[in-house]
Amino acid sequence: MKRLECFWCEAELEQRGGGNIAIHFVCPNGCGAWWPEEDMTDESALKLWNSEQAYKNSLAKKGGGSKAGRKRKKPQKLQKNYWLPQ
């Protein structure tokens, strides 16, 4: 493994974490801690995300939504024209 050094004191960084805690690197002199960027190509995470979305979509009722903002169109009243004789 490549040796990582602290860029303030140039001491070798110690690897910590694993399991439920993300792997990160800590300076033994207390200068700080660094977390590497996560790998975005994790196939198992993508499969889990897709299956969760499919499950949520199966629970959702299609076409549902609030009708509170919709108004009914009132039918027009027929106008009667009365012609009075002159």
PDB file of N, CA and C in Angstrom:
ATOM      1  N   MET A   1       0.828  -1.168   0.000  1.00  0.00           N
ATOM      2  CA  MET A   1       0.000   0.000   0.000  1.00  0.00           C
ATOM      3  C   MET A   1       0.881   1.242   0.000  1.00  0.00           C
ATOM      4  N   LYS A   2       0.399   2.255  -0.687  1.00  0.00           N
ATOM      5  CA  LYS A   2       1.131   3.505  -0.785  1.00  0.00           C
ATOM      6  C   LYS A   2       1.174   4.190   0.577  1.00  0.00           C
ATOM      7  N   ARG A   3       2.332   4.721   0.920  1.00  0.00           N
ATOM      8  CA  ARG A   3       2.492   5.415   2.192  1.00  0.00           C
ATOM      9  C   ARG A   3       1.912   6.821   2.083  1.00  0.00           C
ATOM     10  N   LEU A   4       0.981   7.138   2.989  1.00  0.00           N
ATOM     11  CA  LEU A   4       0.363   8.457   2.997  1.00  0.00           C
ATOM     12  C   LEU A   4       0.973   9.286   4.122  1.00  0.00           C
ATOM     13  N   GLU A   5       1.296  10.542   3.806  1.00  0.00           N
ATOM     14  CA  GLU A   5       1.914  11.419   4.790  1.00  0.00           C
ATOM     15  C   GLU A   5       1.019  12.625   5.067  1.00  0.00           C
ATOM     16  N   CYS A   6       1.081  13.114   6.302  1.00  0.00           N
ATOM     17  CA  CYS A   6       0.377  14.325   6.683  1.00  0.00           C
ATOM     18  C   CYS A   6       1.054  15.494   5.971  1.00  0.00           C
ATOM     19  N   PHE A   7       0.290  16.401   5.364  1.00  0.00           N
ATOM     20  CA  PHE A   7       0.943  17.476   4.649  1.00  0.00           C
ATOM     21  C   PHE A   7       1.292  18.657   5.550  1.00  0.00           C
ATOM     22  N   TRP A   8       1.076  18.546   6.875  1.00  0.00           N
ATOM     23  CA  TRP A   8       1.564  19.570   7.788  1.00  0.00           C
ATOM     24  C   TRP A   8       2.852  19.125   8.479  1.00  0.00           C
ATOM     25  N   CYS A   9       2.858  17.921   9.053  1.00  0.00           N
ATOM     26  CA  CYS A   9       4.047  17.478   9.799  1.00  0.00           C
ATOM     27  C   CYS A   9       4.794  16.347   9.100  1.00  0.00           C
ATOM     28  N   GLU A  10       4.286  15.865   7.978  1.00  0.00           N
ATOM     29  CA  GLU A  10       4.885  14.801   7.161  1.00  0.00           C
ATOM     30  C   GLU A  10       5.057  13.476   7.899  1.00  0.00           C
ATOM     31  N   ALA A  11       4.254  13.230   8.946  1.00  0.00           N
ATOM     32  CA  ALA A  11       4.253  11.935   9.631  1.00  0.00           C
ATOM     33  C   ALA A  11       3.397  10.968   8.821  1.00  0.00           C
ATOM     34  N   GLU A  12       3.673   9.692   8.965  1.00  0.00           N
ATOM     35  CA  GLU A  12       2.885   8.690   8.239  1.00  0.00           C
ATOM     36  C   GLU A  12       1.493   8.582   8.865  1.00  0.00           C
ATOM     37  N   LEU A  13       0.450   8.634   8.019  1.00  0.00           N
ATOM     38  CA  LEU A  13      -0.932   8.573   8.494  1.00  0.00           C
ATOM     39  C   LEU A  13      -1.297   7.151   8.889  1.00  0.00           C
ATOM     40  N   GLU A  14      -2.122   7.017   9.930  1.00  0.00           N
ATOM     41  CA  GLU A  14      -2.592   5.712  10.392  1.00  0.00           C
ATOM     42  C   GLU A  14      -3.993   5.473   9.846  1.00  0.00           C
ATOM     43  N   GLN A  15      -4.220   4.248   9.365  1.00  0.00           N
ATOM     44  CA  GLN A  15      -5.542   3.898   8.849  1.00  0.00           C
ATOM     45  C   GLN A  15      -6.432   3.490  10.009  1.00  0.00           C
ATOM     46  N   ARG A  16      -7.659   4.040  10.033  1.00  0.00           N
ATOM     47  CA  ARG A  16      -8.629   3.719  11.076  1.00  0.00           C
ATOM     48  C   ARG A  16      -9.950   3.359  10.416  1.00  0.00           C
ATOM     49  N   GLY A  17     -10.853   2.826  11.216  1.00  0.00           N
ATOM     50  CA  GLY A  17     -12.197   2.538  10.733  1.00  0.00           C
ATOM     51  C   GLY A  17     -12.320   1.126  10.211  1.00  0.00           C
ATOM     52  N   GLY A  18     -13.429   0.884   9.529  1.00  0.00           N
ATOM     53  CA  GLY A  18     -13.760  -0.448   9.040  1.00  0.00           C
ATOM     54  C   GLY A  18     -15.032  -0.912   9.708  1.00  0.00           C
ATOM     55  N   GLY A  19     -15.719  -1.844   9.114  1.00  0.00           N
ATOM     56  CA  GLY A  19     -16.990  -2.301   9.656  1.00  0.00           C
ATOM     57  C   GLY A  19     -18.053  -1.237   9.469  1.00  0.00           C
ATOM     58  N   ASN A  20     -18.661  -0.790  10.579  1.00  0.00           N
ATOM     59  CA  ASN A  20     -19.691   0.246  10.504  1.00  0.00           C
ATOM     60  C   ASN A  20     -19.102   1.643  10.373  1.00  0.00           C
ATOM     61  N   ILE A  21     -17.817   1.801  10.647  1.00  0.00           N
ATOM     62  CA  ILE A  21     -17.159   3.102  10.574  1.00  0.00           C
ATOM     63  C   ILE A  21     -16.381   3.168   9.263  1.00  0.00           C
ATOM     64  N   ALA A  22     -16.527   4.278   8.543  1.00  0.00           N
ATOM     65  CA  ALA A  22     -15.843   4.435   7.261  1.00  0.00           C
ATOM     66  C   ALA A  22     -14.335   4.452   7.469  1.00  0.00           C
ATOM     67  N   ILE A  23     -13.619   3.874   6.527  1.00  0.00           N
ATOM     68  CA  ILE A  23     -12.161   3.866   6.594  1.00  0.00           C
ATOM     69  C   ILE A  23     -11.663   5.284   6.369  1.00  0.00           C
ATOM     70  N   HIS A  24     -10.784   5.736   7.261  1.00  0.00           N
ATOM     71  CA  HIS A  24     -10.205   7.069   7.150  1.00  0.00           C
ATOM     72  C   HIS A  24      -8.772   7.028   7.673  1.00  0.00           C
ATOM     73  N   PHE A  25      -8.069   8.118   7.511  1.00  0.00           N
ATOM     74  CA  PHE A  25      -6.668   8.186   7.904  1.00  0.00           C
ATOM     75  C   PHE A  25      -6.483   9.318   8.906  1.00  0.00           C
ATOM     76  N   VAL A  26      -5.704   9.053   9.961  1.00  0.00           N
ATOM     77  CA  VAL A  26      -5.512  10.003  11.049  1.00  0.00           C
ATOM     78  C   VAL A  26      -4.030  10.264  11.235  1.00  0.00           C
ATOM     79  N   CYS A  27      -3.681  11.521  11.491  1.00  0.00           N
ATOM     80  CA  CYS A  27      -2.296  11.881  11.783  1.00  0.00           C
ATOM     81  C   CYS A  27      -2.009  11.515  13.236  1.00  0.00           C
ATOM     82  N   PRO A  28      -0.899  10.827  13.520  1.00  0.00           N
ATOM     83  CA  PRO A  28      -0.588  10.458  14.910  1.00  0.00           C
ATOM     84  C   PRO A  28      -0.249  11.677  15.773  1.00  0.00           C
ATOM     85  N   ASN A  29       0.111  12.798  15.169  1.00  0.00           N
ATOM     86  CA  ASN A  29       0.449  14.013  15.921  1.00  0.00           C
ATOM     87  C   ASN A  29      -0.764  14.905  16.158  1.00  0.00           C
ATOM     88  N   GLY A  30      -1.946  14.481  15.704  1.00  0.00           N
ATOM     89  CA  GLY A  30      -3.176  15.227  15.952  1.00  0.00           C
ATOM     90  C   GLY A  30      -3.423  16.376  14.987  1.00  0.00           C
ATOM     91  N   CYS A  31      -2.814  16.336  13.809  1.00  0.00           N
ATOM     92  CA  CYS A  31      -3.023  17.407  12.834  1.00  0.00           C
ATOM     93  C   CYS A  31      -4.398  17.330  12.167  1.00  0.00           C
ATOM     94  N   GLY A  32      -4.973  16.156  12.081  1.00  0.00           N
ATOM     95  CA  GLY A  32      -6.285  16.034  11.453  1.00  0.00           C
ATOM     96  C   GLY A  32      -6.569  14.617  11.004  1.00  0.00           C
ATOM     97  N   ALA A  33      -7.740  14.470  10.354  1.00  0.00           N
ATOM     98  CA  ALA A  33      -8.161  13.178   9.813  1.00  0.00           C
ATOM     99  C   ALA A  33      -8.669  13.410   8.404  1.00  0.00           C
ATOM    100  N   TRP A  34      -8.506  12.406   7.544  1.00  0.00           N
ATOM    101  CA  TRP A  34      -8.906  12.515   6.147  1.00  0.00           C
ATOM    102  C   TRP A  34      -9.681  11.282   5.733  1.00  0.00           C
ATOM    103  N   TRP A  35     -10.762  11.528   5.003  1.00  0.00           N
ATOM    104  CA  TRP A  35     -11.588  10.460   4.455  1.00  0.00           C
ATOM    105  C   TRP A  35     -11.426  10.483   2.939  1.00  0.00           C
ATOM    106  N   PRO A  36     -11.046   9.352   2.342  1.00  0.00           N
ATOM    107  CA  PRO A  36     -10.931   9.331   0.877  1.00  0.00           C
ATOM    108  C   PRO A  36     -12.311   9.404   0.245  1.00  0.00           C
ATOM    109  N   GLU A  37     -12.363   9.842  -1.003  1.00  0.00           N
ATOM    110  CA  GLU A  37     -13.634   9.899  -1.712  1.00  0.00           C
ATOM    111  C   GLU A  37     -14.182   8.492  -1.887  1.00  0.00           C
ATOM    112  N   GLU A  38     -15.512   8.387  -1.791  1.00  0.00           N
ATOM    113  CA  GLU A  38     -16.146   7.082  -1.941  1.00  0.00           C
ATOM    114  C   GLU A  38     -16.135   6.662  -3.404  1.00  0.00           C
ATOM    115  N   ASP A  39     -16.001   5.368  -3.627  1.00  0.00           N
ATOM    116  CA  ASP A  39     -16.034   4.833  -4.978  1.00  0.00           C
ATOM    117  C   ASP A  39     -17.489   4.771  -5.423  1.00  0.00           C
ATOM    118  N   MET A  40     -17.828   5.491  -6.490  1.00  0.00           N
ATOM    119  CA  MET A  40     -19.210   5.566  -6.952  1.00  0.00           C
ATOM    120  C   MET A  40     -19.595   4.401  -7.867  1.00  0.00           C
ATOM    121  N   THR A  41     -18.723   3.447  -8.076  1.00  0.00           N
ATOM    122  CA  THR A  41     -19.014   2.332  -8.974  1.00  0.00           C
ATOM    123  C   THR A  41     -19.393   1.058  -8.209  1.00  0.00           C
ATOM    124  N   ASP A  42     -19.819   1.183  -6.978  1.00  0.00           N
ATOM    125  CA  ASP A  42     -20.168   0.021  -6.173  1.00  0.00           C
ATOM    126  C   ASP A  42     -21.457  -0.599  -6.720  1.00  0.00           C
ATOM    127  N   GLU A  43     -21.348  -1.746  -7.333  1.00  0.00           N
ATOM    128  CA  GLU A  43     -22.500  -2.398  -7.983  1.00  0.00           C
ATOM    129  C   GLU A  43     -23.557  -2.836  -6.974  1.00  0.00           C
ATOM    130  N   SER A  44     -23.140  -3.319  -5.811  1.00  0.00           N
ATOM    131  CA  SER A  44     -24.123  -3.782  -4.831  1.00  0.00           C
ATOM    132  C   SER A  44     -24.975  -2.621  -4.320  1.00  0.00           C
ATOM    133  N   ALA A  45     -24.383  -1.439  -4.169  1.00  0.00           N
ATOM    134  CA  ALA A  45     -25.156  -0.278  -3.727  1.00  0.00           C
ATOM    135  C   ALA A  45     -26.162   0.136  -4.806  1.00  0.00           C
ATOM    136  N   LEU A  46     -25.771   0.073  -6.066  1.00  0.00           N
ATOM    137  CA  LEU A  46     -26.684   0.419  -7.149  1.00  0.00           C
ATOM    138  C   LEU A  46     -27.844  -0.563  -7.233  1.00  0.00           C
ATOM    139  N   LYS A  47     -27.556  -1.855  -7.066  1.00  0.00           N
ATOM    140  CA  LYS A  47     -28.613  -2.867  -7.094  1.00  0.00           C
ATOM    141  C   LYS A  47     -29.593  -2.652  -5.941  1.00  0.00           C
ATOM    142  N   LEU A  48     -29.054  -2.343  -4.755  1.00  0.00           N
ATOM    143  CA  LEU A  48     -29.908  -2.095  -3.596  1.00  0.00           C
ATOM    144  C   LEU A  48     -30.783  -0.871  -3.830  1.00  0.00           C
ATOM    145  N   TRP A  49     -30.212   0.208  -4.357  1.00  0.00           N
ATOM    146  CA  TRP A  49     -30.973   1.428  -4.639  1.00  0.00           C
ATOM    147  C   TRP A  49     -32.087   1.156  -5.650  1.00  0.00           C
ATOM    148  N   ASN A  50     -31.774   0.452  -6.722  1.00  0.00           N
ATOM    149  CA  ASN A  50     -32.774   0.159  -7.754  1.00  0.00           C
ATOM    150  C   ASN A  50     -33.895  -0.719  -7.216  1.00  0.00           C
ATOM    151  N   SER A  51     -33.565  -1.726  -6.405  1.00  0.00           N
ATOM    152  CA  SER A  51     -34.607  -2.596  -5.863  1.00  0.00           C
ATOM    153  C   SER A  51     -35.483  -1.835  -4.866  1.00  0.00           C
ATOM    154  N   GLU A  52     -34.890  -0.924  -4.098  1.00  0.00           N
ATOM    155  CA  GLU A  52     -35.677  -0.127  -3.164  1.00  0.00           C
ATOM    156  C   GLU A  52     -36.634   0.800  -3.906  1.00  0.00           C
ATOM    157  N   GLN A  53     -36.166   1.406  -4.986  1.00  0.00           N
ATOM    158  CA  GLN A  53     -37.025   2.294  -5.769  1.00  0.00           C
ATOM    159  C   GLN A  53     -38.165   1.514  -6.432  1.00  0.00           C
ATOM    160  N   ALA A  54     -37.866   0.305  -6.912  1.00  0.00           N
ATOM    161  CA  ALA A  54     -38.912  -0.520  -7.516  1.00  0.00           C
ATOM    162  C   ALA A  54     -39.970  -0.892  -6.483  1.00  0.00           C
ATOM    163  N   TYR A  55     -39.533  -1.197  -5.269  1.00  0.00           N
ATOM    164  CA  TYR A  55     -40.477  -1.525  -4.191  1.00  0.00           C
ATOM    165  C   TYR A  55     -41.355  -0.322  -3.857  1.00  0.00           C
ATOM    166  N   LYS A  56     -40.755   0.866  -3.747  1.00  0.00           N
ATOM    167  CA  LYS A  56     -41.526   2.068  -3.428  1.00  0.00           C
ATOM    168  C   LYS A  56     -42.522   2.385  -4.539  1.00  0.00           C
ATOM    169  N   ASN A  57     -42.116   2.202  -5.792  1.00  0.00           N
ATOM    170  CA  ASN A  57     -43.024   2.461  -6.907  1.00  0.00           C
ATOM    171  C   ASN A  57     -44.182   1.478  -6.933  1.00  0.00           C
ATOM    172  N   SER A  58     -43.950   0.250  -6.471  1.00  0.00           N
ATOM    173  CA  SER A  58     -45.031  -0.727  -6.452  1.00  0.00           C
ATOM    174  C   SER A  58     -46.070  -0.379  -5.386  1.00  0.00           C
ATOM    175  N   LEU A  59     -45.663   0.326  -4.340  1.00  0.00           N
ATOM    176  CA  LEU A  59     -46.601   0.713  -3.282  1.00  0.00           C
ATOM    177  C   LEU A  59     -47.402   1.960  -3.647  1.00  0.00           C
ATOM    178  N   ALA A  60     -46.854   2.785  -4.504  1.00  0.00           N
ATOM    179  CA  ALA A  60     -47.507   4.048  -4.830  1.00  0.00           C
ATOM    180  C   ALA A  60     -48.734   3.799  -5.695  1.00  0.00           C
ATOM    181  N   LYS A  61     -49.813   4.516  -5.393  1.00  0.00           N
ATOM    182  CA  LYS A  61     -51.032   4.400  -6.167  1.00  0.00           C
ATOM    183  C   LYS A  61     -50.902   5.294  -7.391  1.00  0.00           C
ATOM    184  N   LYS A  62     -51.053   4.722  -8.540  1.00  0.00           N
ATOM    185  CA  LYS A  62     -50.908   5.480  -9.782  1.00  0.00           C
ATOM    186  C   LYS A  62     -52.088   6.415  -9.967  1.00  0.00           C
ATOM    187  N   GLY A  63     -51.820   7.622 -10.404  1.00  0.00           N
ATOM    188  CA  GLY A  63     -52.868   8.584 -10.691  1.00  0.00           C
ATOM    189  C   GLY A  63     -53.410   9.280  -9.460  1.00  0.00           C
ATOM    190  N   GLY A  64     -52.878   8.970  -8.327  1.00  0.00           N
ATOM    191  CA  GLY A  64     -53.354   9.624  -7.118  1.00  0.00           C
ATOM    192  C   GLY A  64     -52.773  11.016  -7.009  1.00  0.00           C
ATOM    193  N   GLY A  65     -53.427  11.822  -6.305  1.00  0.00           N
ATOM    194  CA  GLY A  65     -52.930  13.175  -6.099  1.00  0.00           C
ATOM    195  C   GLY A  65     -54.009  14.007  -5.469  1.00  0.00           C
ATOM    196  N   SER A  66     -53.645  15.141  -5.032  1.00  0.00           N
ATOM    197  CA  SER A  66     -54.588  16.018  -4.358  1.00  0.00           C
ATOM    198  C   SER A  66     -55.490  16.699  -5.370  1.00  0.00           C
ATOM    199  N   LYS A  67     -56.768  16.686  -5.079  1.00  0.00           N
ATOM    200  CA  LYS A  67     -57.729  17.384  -5.931  1.00  0.00           C
ATOM    201  C   LYS A  67     -58.194  18.653  -5.244  1.00  0.00           C
ATOM    202  N   ALA A  68     -57.514  19.053  -4.195  1.00  0.00           N
ATOM    203  CA  ALA A  68     -57.927  20.223  -3.427  1.00  0.00           C
ATOM    204  C   ALA A  68     -57.814  21.493  -4.253  1.00  0.00           C
ATOM    205  N   GLY A  69     -56.839  21.578  -5.137  1.00  0.00           N
ATOM    206  CA  GLY A  69     -56.652  22.794  -5.909  1.00  0.00           C
ATOM    207  C   GLY A  69     -57.483  22.856  -7.170  1.00  0.00           C
ATOM    208  N   ARG A  70     -58.141  21.768  -7.533  1.00  0.00           N
ATOM    209  CA  ARG A  70     -58.927  21.734  -8.769  1.00  0.00           C
ATOM    210  C   ARG A  70     -60.335  22.241  -8.515  1.00  0.00           C
ATOM    211  N   LYS A  71     -60.849  22.997  -9.444  1.00  0.00           N
ATOM    212  CA  LYS A  71     -62.228  23.491  -9.322  1.00  0.00           C
ATOM    213  C   LYS A  71     -63.066  22.905 -10.441  1.00  0.00           C
ATOM    214  N   ARG A  72     -64.309  22.626 -10.107  1.00  0.00           N
ATOM    215  CA  ARG A  72     -65.229  22.134 -11.129  1.00  0.00           C
ATOM    216  C   ARG A  72     -65.685  23.283 -12.005  1.00  0.00           C
ATOM    217  N   LYS A  73     -65.843  22.987 -13.231  1.00  0.00           N
ATOM    218  CA  LYS A  73     -66.367  23.985 -14.151  1.00  0.00           C
ATOM    219  C   LYS A  73     -67.884  23.958 -14.042  1.00  0.00           C
ATOM    220  N   LYS A  74     -68.455  25.115 -13.747  1.00  0.00           N
ATOM    221  CA  LYS A  74     -69.909  25.182 -13.590  1.00  0.00           C
ATOM    222  C   LYS A  74     -70.551  25.160 -14.973  1.00  0.00           C
ATOM    223  N   PRO A  75     -71.658  24.408 -15.106  1.00  0.00           N
ATOM    224  CA  PRO A  75     -72.335  24.398 -16.406  1.00  0.00           C
ATOM    225  C   PRO A  75     -72.984  25.756 -16.671  1.00  0.00           C
ATOM    226  N   GLN A  76     -72.935  26.187 -17.912  1.00  0.00           N
ATOM    227  CA  GLN A  76     -73.516  27.472 -18.270  1.00  0.00           C
ATOM    228  C   GLN A  76     -75.041  27.371 -18.267  1.00  0.00           C
ATOM    229  N   LYS A  77     -75.655  28.421 -17.751  1.00  0.00           N
ATOM    230  CA  LYS A  77     -77.115  28.461 -17.762  1.00  0.00           C
ATOM    231  C   LYS A  77     -77.566  28.938 -19.138  1.00  0.00           C
ATOM    232  N   LEU A  78     -78.620  28.342 -19.613  1.00  0.00           N
ATOM    233  CA  LEU A  78     -79.176  28.771 -20.899  1.00  0.00           C
ATOM    234  C   LEU A  78     -79.913  30.086 -20.718  1.00  0.00           C
ATOM    235  N   GLN A  79     -79.628  31.011 -21.581  1.00  0.00           N
ATOM    236  CA  GLN A  79     -80.301  32.296 -21.502  1.00  0.00           C
ATOM    237  C   GLN A  79     -81.546  32.256 -22.377  1.00  0.00           C
ATOM    238  N   LYS A  80     -82.646  32.673 -21.804  1.00  0.00           N
ATOM    239  CA  LYS A  80     -83.879  32.730 -22.580  1.00  0.00           C
ATOM    240  C   LYS A  80     -84.089  34.177 -22.995  1.00  0.00           C
ATOM    241  N   ASN A  81     -84.253  34.373 -24.251  1.00  0.00           N
ATOM    242  CA  ASN A  81     -84.516  35.716 -24.769  1.00  0.00           C
ATOM    243  C   ASN A  81     -86.014  35.861 -24.993  1.00  0.00           C
ATOM    244  N   TYR A  82     -86.590  36.792 -24.334  1.00  0.00           N
ATOM    245  CA  TYR A  82     -88.005  37.061 -24.497  1.00  0.00           C
ATOM    246  C   TYR A  82     -88.159  38.303 -25.359  1.00  0.00           C
ATOM    247  N   TRP A  83     -88.905  38.165 -26.411  1.00  0.00           N
ATOM    248  CA  TRP A  83     -89.181  39.304 -27.297  1.00  0.00           C
ATOM    249  C   TRP A  83     -90.580  39.801 -26.992  1.00  0.00           C
ATOM    250  N   LEU A  84     -90.607  41.018 -26.622  1.00  0.00           N
ATOM    251  CA  LEU A  84     -91.909  41.605 -26.335  1.00  0.00           C
ATOM    252  C   LEU A  84     -92.449  42.225 -27.626  1.00  0.00           C
ATOM    253  N   PRO A  85     -93.743  42.029 -27.872  1.00  0.00           N
ATOM    254  CA  PRO A  85     -94.305  42.637 -29.078  1.00  0.00           C
ATOM    255  C   PRO A  85     -94.367  44.163 -28.946  1.00  0.00           C
ATOM    256  N   GLN A  86     -94.230  44.864 -30.034  1.00  0.00           N
ATOM    257  CA  GLN A  86     -94.254  46.325 -30.000  1.00  0.00           C
ATOM    258  C   GLN A  86     -95.465  46.880 -30.642  1.00  0.00           C
TER     259      GLN A  86
END
